Amino acid sequence: MPRQAGFTWIELLLVLAVFGILATLSFPAMRDVAVRKQVKEGFVLAELAKQGVQAAWSLSGEMPADNAQAGIPPREKIVGNVIRDVNVDGGAVTLTYGNNASKALEGLRLTLRPAVVVDQRAVPIAWVCHDLPVPKGMELRGKDETDIPASFLPVECRGAGAAK
């Protein structure tokens, strides 16, 4: 009796099981990428606050204490798809995630802090994300309120020692 070509049911089930395991292992990595994308999406709203802080610094040489001193709307009025509010505190710009953001980001914050050349107001502010090192010759202002896990931070917010 000639042998038939093809796979047996057991062989097909084993192949499907292997694919299932591989797919299951890839889900956490895909989630991290999606969440990281949402974190970066929030940076668009930070631009408004960064411009206000830059203007206040250039005019007075002082960091604005709050949104009003930065000349921008109140924190709860600066909202977007993934951002619940944008707050200026001592020059630091803190984004609070919410609205349509991933549940993993709900209520978490990311801070962009201004680094300045103290006696040169004409030099543009360098914005330091989370705990990155301060550029040489500059001083950092404001408090870092970032509580987003390092694995969710975009590359530009992770230090050399952080998990990639």
C-alpha atoms as a PDB file:
ATOM      1  CA  MET A   1       0.000   0.000   0.000  1.00  0.00           C
ATOM      2  CA  PRO A   2       1.561   3.356  -1.022  1.00  0.00           C
ATOM      3  CA  ARG A   3       2.199   5.922   1.701  1.00  0.00           C
ATOM      4  CA  GLN A   4       0.283   9.211   1.376  1.00  0.00           C
ATOM      5  CA  ALA A   5       2.188  12.503   1.308  1.00  0.00           C
ATOM      6  CA  GLY A   6       1.268  15.259   3.760  1.00  0.00           C
ATOM      7  CA  PHE A   7       1.089  15.951   7.451  1.00  0.00           C
ATOM      8  CA  THR A   8      -0.669  13.986  10.122  1.00  0.00           C
ATOM      9  CA  TRP A   9      -3.075  15.679  12.506  1.00  0.00           C
ATOM     10  CA  ILE A  10      -0.529  15.470  15.312  1.00  0.00           C
ATOM     11  CA  GLU A  11       2.134  17.202  13.219  1.00  0.00           C
ATOM     12  CA  LEU A  12      -0.288  19.979  12.291  1.00  0.00           C
ATOM     13  CA  LEU A  13      -1.293  20.458  15.936  1.00  0.00           C
ATOM     14  CA  LEU A  14       2.361  20.685  16.979  1.00  0.00           C
ATOM     15  CA  VAL A  15       3.038  23.348  14.332  1.00  0.00           C
ATOM     16  CA  LEU A  16      -0.025  25.320  15.445  1.00  0.00           C
ATOM     17  CA  ALA A  17       1.069  25.059  19.091  1.00  0.00           C
ATOM     18  CA  VAL A  18       4.528  26.447  18.234  1.00  0.00           C
ATOM     19  CA  PHE A  19       2.950  29.379  16.346  1.00  0.00           C
ATOM     20  CA  GLY A  20       0.613  30.015  19.259  1.00  0.00           C
ATOM     21  CA  ILE A  21       3.494  30.135  21.726  1.00  0.00           C
ATOM     22  CA  LEU A  22       5.479  32.504  19.503  1.00  0.00           C
ATOM     23  CA  ALA A  23       2.467  34.792  19.094  1.00  0.00           C
ATOM     24  CA  THR A  24       1.878  34.843  22.857  1.00  0.00           C
ATOM     25  CA  LEU A  25       5.490  35.817  23.476  1.00  0.00           C
ATOM     26  CA  SER A  26       5.285  38.722  21.025  1.00  0.00           C
ATOM     27  CA  PHE A  27       2.225  40.421  22.624  1.00  0.00           C
ATOM     28  CA  PRO A  28       4.080  42.171  25.503  1.00  0.00           C
ATOM     29  CA  ALA A  29       6.679  43.551  23.087  1.00  0.00           C
ATOM     30  CA  MET A  30       3.941  44.834  20.777  1.00  0.00           C
ATOM     31  CA  ARG A  31       2.186  46.490  23.726  1.00  0.00           C
ATOM     32  CA  ASP A  32       5.387  48.264  24.803  1.00  0.00           C
ATOM     33  CA  VAL A  33       5.860  49.626  21.281  1.00  0.00           C
ATOM     34  CA  ALA A  34       2.258  50.874  21.146  1.00  0.00           C
ATOM     35  CA  VAL A  35       2.510  52.520  24.575  1.00  0.00           C
ATOM     36  CA  ARG A  36       5.883  54.091  23.685  1.00  0.00           C
ATOM     37  CA  LYS A  37       4.248  55.546  20.559  1.00  0.00           C
ATOM     38  CA  GLN A  38       1.496  57.105  22.686  1.00  0.00           C
ATOM     39  CA  VAL A  39       4.063  58.601  25.068  1.00  0.00           C
ATOM     40  CA  LYS A  40       5.824  60.230  22.131  1.00  0.00           C
ATOM     41  CA  GLU A  41       2.484  61.398  20.688  1.00  0.00           C
ATOM     42  CA  GLY A  42       2.016  63.502  23.817  1.00  0.00           C
ATOM     43  CA  PHE A  43       5.142  65.530  23.027  1.00  0.00           C
ATOM     44  CA  VAL A  44       3.137  67.555  20.493  1.00  0.00           C
ATOM     45  CA  LEU A  45       1.179  69.283  23.265  1.00  0.00           C
ATOM     46  CA  ALA A  46       4.379  69.931  25.223  1.00  0.00           C
ATOM     47  CA  GLU A  47       5.516  72.261  22.422  1.00  0.00           C
ATOM     48  CA  LEU A  48       2.979  74.930  23.430  1.00  0.00           C
ATOM     49  CA  ALA A  49       4.279  74.951  27.004  1.00  0.00           C
ATOM     50  CA  LYS A  50       7.930  74.835  25.916  1.00  0.00           C
ATOM     51  CA  GLN A  51       7.409  77.942  23.768  1.00  0.00           C
ATOM     52  CA  GLY A  52       5.837  79.765  26.722  1.00  0.00           C
ATOM     53  CA  VAL A  53       8.705  78.815  29.031  1.00  0.00           C
ATOM     54  CA  GLN A  54      11.277  79.901  26.406  1.00  0.00           C
ATOM     55  CA  ALA A  55       9.552  83.270  25.989  1.00  0.00           C
ATOM     56  CA  ALA A  56       9.369  83.892  29.748  1.00  0.00           C
ATOM     57  CA  TRP A  57      13.040  82.941  30.188  1.00  0.00           C
ATOM     58  CA  SER A  58      14.162  85.150  27.289  1.00  0.00           C
ATOM     59  CA  LEU A  59      12.232  88.172  28.571  1.00  0.00           C
ATOM     60  CA  SER A  60      12.874  87.977  32.305  1.00  0.00           C
ATOM     61  CA  GLY A  61      15.702  85.529  32.952  1.00  0.00           C
ATOM     62  CA  GLU A  62      13.375  83.678  35.316  1.00  0.00           C
ATOM     63  CA  MET A  63      11.556  80.395  34.886  1.00  0.00           C
ATOM     64  CA  PRO A  64       7.760  80.720  34.973  1.00  0.00           C
ATOM     65  CA  ALA A  65       6.221  79.328  38.145  1.00  0.00           C
ATOM     66  CA  ASP A  66       3.068  78.111  36.411  1.00  0.00           C
ATOM     67  CA  ASN A  67       1.062  78.077  33.179  1.00  0.00           C
ATOM     68  CA  ALA A  68      -0.160  81.671  33.669  1.00  0.00           C
ATOM     69  CA  GLN A  69       3.376  83.046  34.004  1.00  0.00           C
ATOM     70  CA  ALA A  70       4.355  81.080  30.883  1.00  0.00           C
ATOM     71  CA  GLY A  71       1.496  82.788  29.038  1.00  0.00           C
ATOM     72  CA  ILE A  72      -0.312  79.562  28.180  1.00  0.00           C
ATOM     73  CA  PRO A  73      -3.811  78.242  29.016  1.00  0.00           C
ATOM     74  CA  PRO A  74      -4.520  76.560  32.396  1.00  0.00           C
ATOM     75  CA  ARG A  75      -3.252  72.990  32.679  1.00  0.00           C
ATOM     76  CA  GLU A  76      -6.681  71.348  32.382  1.00  0.00           C
ATOM     77  CA  LYS A  77      -7.367  73.277  29.139  1.00  0.00           C
ATOM     78  CA  ILE A  78      -4.332  71.833  27.317  1.00  0.00           C
ATOM     79  CA  VAL A  79      -5.666  68.399  26.399  1.00  0.00           C
ATOM     80  CA  GLY A  80      -5.369  65.933  23.549  1.00  0.00           C
ATOM     81  CA  ASN A  81      -6.032  62.396  22.475  1.00  0.00           C
ATOM     82  CA  VAL A  82      -3.598  60.887  24.996  1.00  0.00           C
ATOM     83  CA  ILE A  83      -2.924  63.894  27.267  1.00  0.00           C
ATOM     84  CA  ARG A  84      -5.160  64.850  30.189  1.00  0.00           C
ATOM     85  CA  ASP A  85      -3.249  68.051  31.096  1.00  0.00           C
ATOM     86  CA  VAL A  86       0.004  69.965  30.618  1.00  0.00           C
ATOM     87  CA  ASN A  87       1.491  71.706  33.646  1.00  0.00           C
ATOM     88  CA  VAL A  88       4.351  74.197  33.945  1.00  0.00           C
ATOM     89  CA  ASP A  89       6.037  74.247  37.350  1.00  0.00           C
ATOM     90  CA  GLY A  90       9.260  76.185  37.806  1.00  0.00           C
ATOM     91  CA  GLY A  91       9.895  75.946  34.066  1.00  0.00           C
ATOM     92  CA  ALA A  92       9.492  72.167  33.936  1.00  0.00           C
ATOM     93  CA  VAL A  93       6.742  70.924  31.620  1.00  0.00           C
ATOM     94  CA  THR A  94       4.858  67.860  32.888  1.00  0.00           C
ATOM     95  CA  LEU A  95       2.482  65.891  30.678  1.00  0.00           C
ATOM     96  CA  THR A  96      -0.196  63.810  32.398  1.00  0.00           C
ATOM     97  CA  TYR A  97      -1.475  60.936  30.266  1.00  0.00           C
ATOM     98  CA  GLY A  98      -5.129  59.971  30.132  1.00  0.00           C
ATOM     99  CA  ASN A  99      -8.156  60.440  27.874  1.00  0.00           C
ATOM    100  CA  ASN A 100      -7.665  57.813  25.127  1.00  0.00           C
ATOM    101  CA  ALA A 101      -4.212  56.679  26.263  1.00  0.00           C
ATOM    102  CA  SER A 102      -3.493  53.048  27.043  1.00  0.00           C
ATOM    103  CA  LYS A 103      -4.639  51.896  30.489  1.00  0.00           C
ATOM    104  CA  ALA A 104      -0.941  51.315  31.242  1.00  0.00           C
ATOM    105  CA  LEU A 105      -0.394  55.108  30.964  1.00  0.00           C
ATOM    106  CA  GLU A 106      -3.540  56.335  32.723  1.00  0.00           C
ATOM    107  CA  GLY A 107      -2.583  59.078  35.195  1.00  0.00           C
ATOM    108  CA  LEU A 108       1.172  58.693  34.667  1.00  0.00           C
ATOM    109  CA  ARG A 109       3.406  61.713  34.058  1.00  0.00           C
ATOM    110  CA  LEU A 110       6.421  62.642  31.952  1.00  0.00           C
ATOM    111  CA  THR A 111       8.493  65.747  32.660  1.00  0.00           C
ATOM    112  CA  LEU A 112      10.611  67.758  30.241  1.00  0.00           C
ATOM    113  CA  ARG A 113      12.981  70.035  32.160  1.00  0.00           C
ATOM    114  CA  PRO A 114      14.700  73.146  30.813  1.00  0.00           C
ATOM    115  CA  ALA A 115      18.484  73.328  30.781  1.00  0.00           C
ATOM    116  CA  VAL A 116      19.797  76.879  30.415  1.00  0.00           C
ATOM    117  CA  VAL A 117      23.046  78.795  30.138  1.00  0.00           C
ATOM    118  CA  VAL A 118      22.525  80.940  33.220  1.00  0.00           C
ATOM    119  CA  ASP A 119      23.985  84.257  32.063  1.00  0.00           C
ATOM    120  CA  GLN A 120      22.888  83.953  28.409  1.00  0.00           C
ATOM    121  CA  ARG A 121      19.130  84.331  27.973  1.00  0.00           C
ATOM    122  CA  ALA A 122      19.517  84.472  24.183  1.00  0.00           C
ATOM    123  CA  VAL A 123      20.749  80.844  24.122  1.00  0.00           C
ATOM    124  CA  PRO A 124      17.773  78.565  23.444  1.00  0.00           C
ATOM    125  CA  ILE A 125      16.655  76.223  26.191  1.00  0.00           C
ATOM    126  CA  ALA A 126      17.741  72.598  25.837  1.00  0.00           C
ATOM    127  CA  TRP A 127      14.914  70.302  26.945  1.00  0.00           C
ATOM    128  CA  VAL A 128      15.955  67.305  29.031  1.00  0.00           C
ATOM    129  CA  CYS A 129      13.534  64.417  29.167  1.00  0.00           C
ATOM    130  CA  HIS A 130      13.224  62.598  32.500  1.00  0.00           C
ATOM    131  CA  ASP A 131      16.661  61.831  33.987  1.00  0.00           C
ATOM    132  CA  LEU A 132      18.968  62.299  31.005  1.00  0.00           C
ATOM    133  CA  PRO A 133      22.279  64.060  31.733  1.00  0.00           C
ATOM    134  CA  VAL A 134      22.421  67.849  31.581  1.00  0.00           C
ATOM    135  CA  PRO A 135      24.307  69.261  28.566  1.00  0.00           C
ATOM    136  CA  LYS A 136      27.774  70.559  29.466  1.00  0.00           C
ATOM    137  CA  GLY A 137      27.759  74.248  30.385  1.00  0.00           C
ATOM    138  CA  MET A 138      24.050  74.290  31.221  1.00  0.00           C
ATOM    139  CA  GLU A 139      22.028  74.172  34.437  1.00  0.00           C
ATOM    140  CA  LEU A 140      18.832  72.182  34.855  1.00  0.00           C
ATOM    141  CA  ARG A 141      15.699  73.826  36.218  1.00  0.00           C
ATOM    142  CA  GLY A 142      12.470  72.368  37.602  1.00  0.00           C
ATOM    143  CA  LYS A 143      11.551  69.093  39.246  1.00  0.00           C
ATOM    144  CA  ASP A 144      11.298  65.752  37.426  1.00  0.00           C
ATOM    145  CA  GLU A 145       7.871  64.217  38.142  1.00  0.00           C
ATOM    146  CA  THR A 146       8.195  61.369  35.637  1.00  0.00           C
ATOM    147  CA  ASP A 147       6.622  58.140  36.889  1.00  0.00           C
ATOM    148  CA  ILE A 148       6.282  56.293  33.578  1.00  0.00           C
ATOM    149  CA  PRO A 149       8.238  52.995  33.607  1.00  0.00           C
ATOM    150  CA  ALA A 150      11.506  53.156  31.626  1.00  0.00           C
ATOM    151  CA  SER A 151      10.304  50.451  29.214  1.00  0.00           C
ATOM    152  CA  PHE A 152       7.512  52.804  28.036  1.00  0.00           C
ATOM    153  CA  LEU A 153       9.767  55.827  27.508  1.00  0.00           C
ATOM    154  CA  PRO A 154      10.843  56.705  23.967  1.00  0.00           C
ATOM    155  CA  VAL A 155      14.564  56.443  23.177  1.00  0.00           C
ATOM    156  CA  GLU A 156      15.151  60.177  23.642  1.00  0.00           C
ATOM    157  CA  CYS A 157      14.008  59.880  27.285  1.00  0.00           C
ATOM    158  CA  ARG A 158      16.041  56.870  28.354  1.00  0.00           C
ATOM    159  CA  GLY A 159      19.528  57.139  29.766  1.00  0.00           C
ATOM    160  CA  ALA A 160      22.366  54.881  28.645  1.00  0.00           C
ATOM    161  CA  GLY A 161      21.737  52.463  31.512  1.00  0.00           C
ATOM    162  CA  ALA A 162      17.978  52.111  31.008  1.00  0.00           C
ATOM    163  CA  ALA A 163      16.365  49.022  29.514  1.00  0.00           C
ATOM    164  CA  LYS A 164      15.966  49.343  25.778  1.00  0.00           C
END
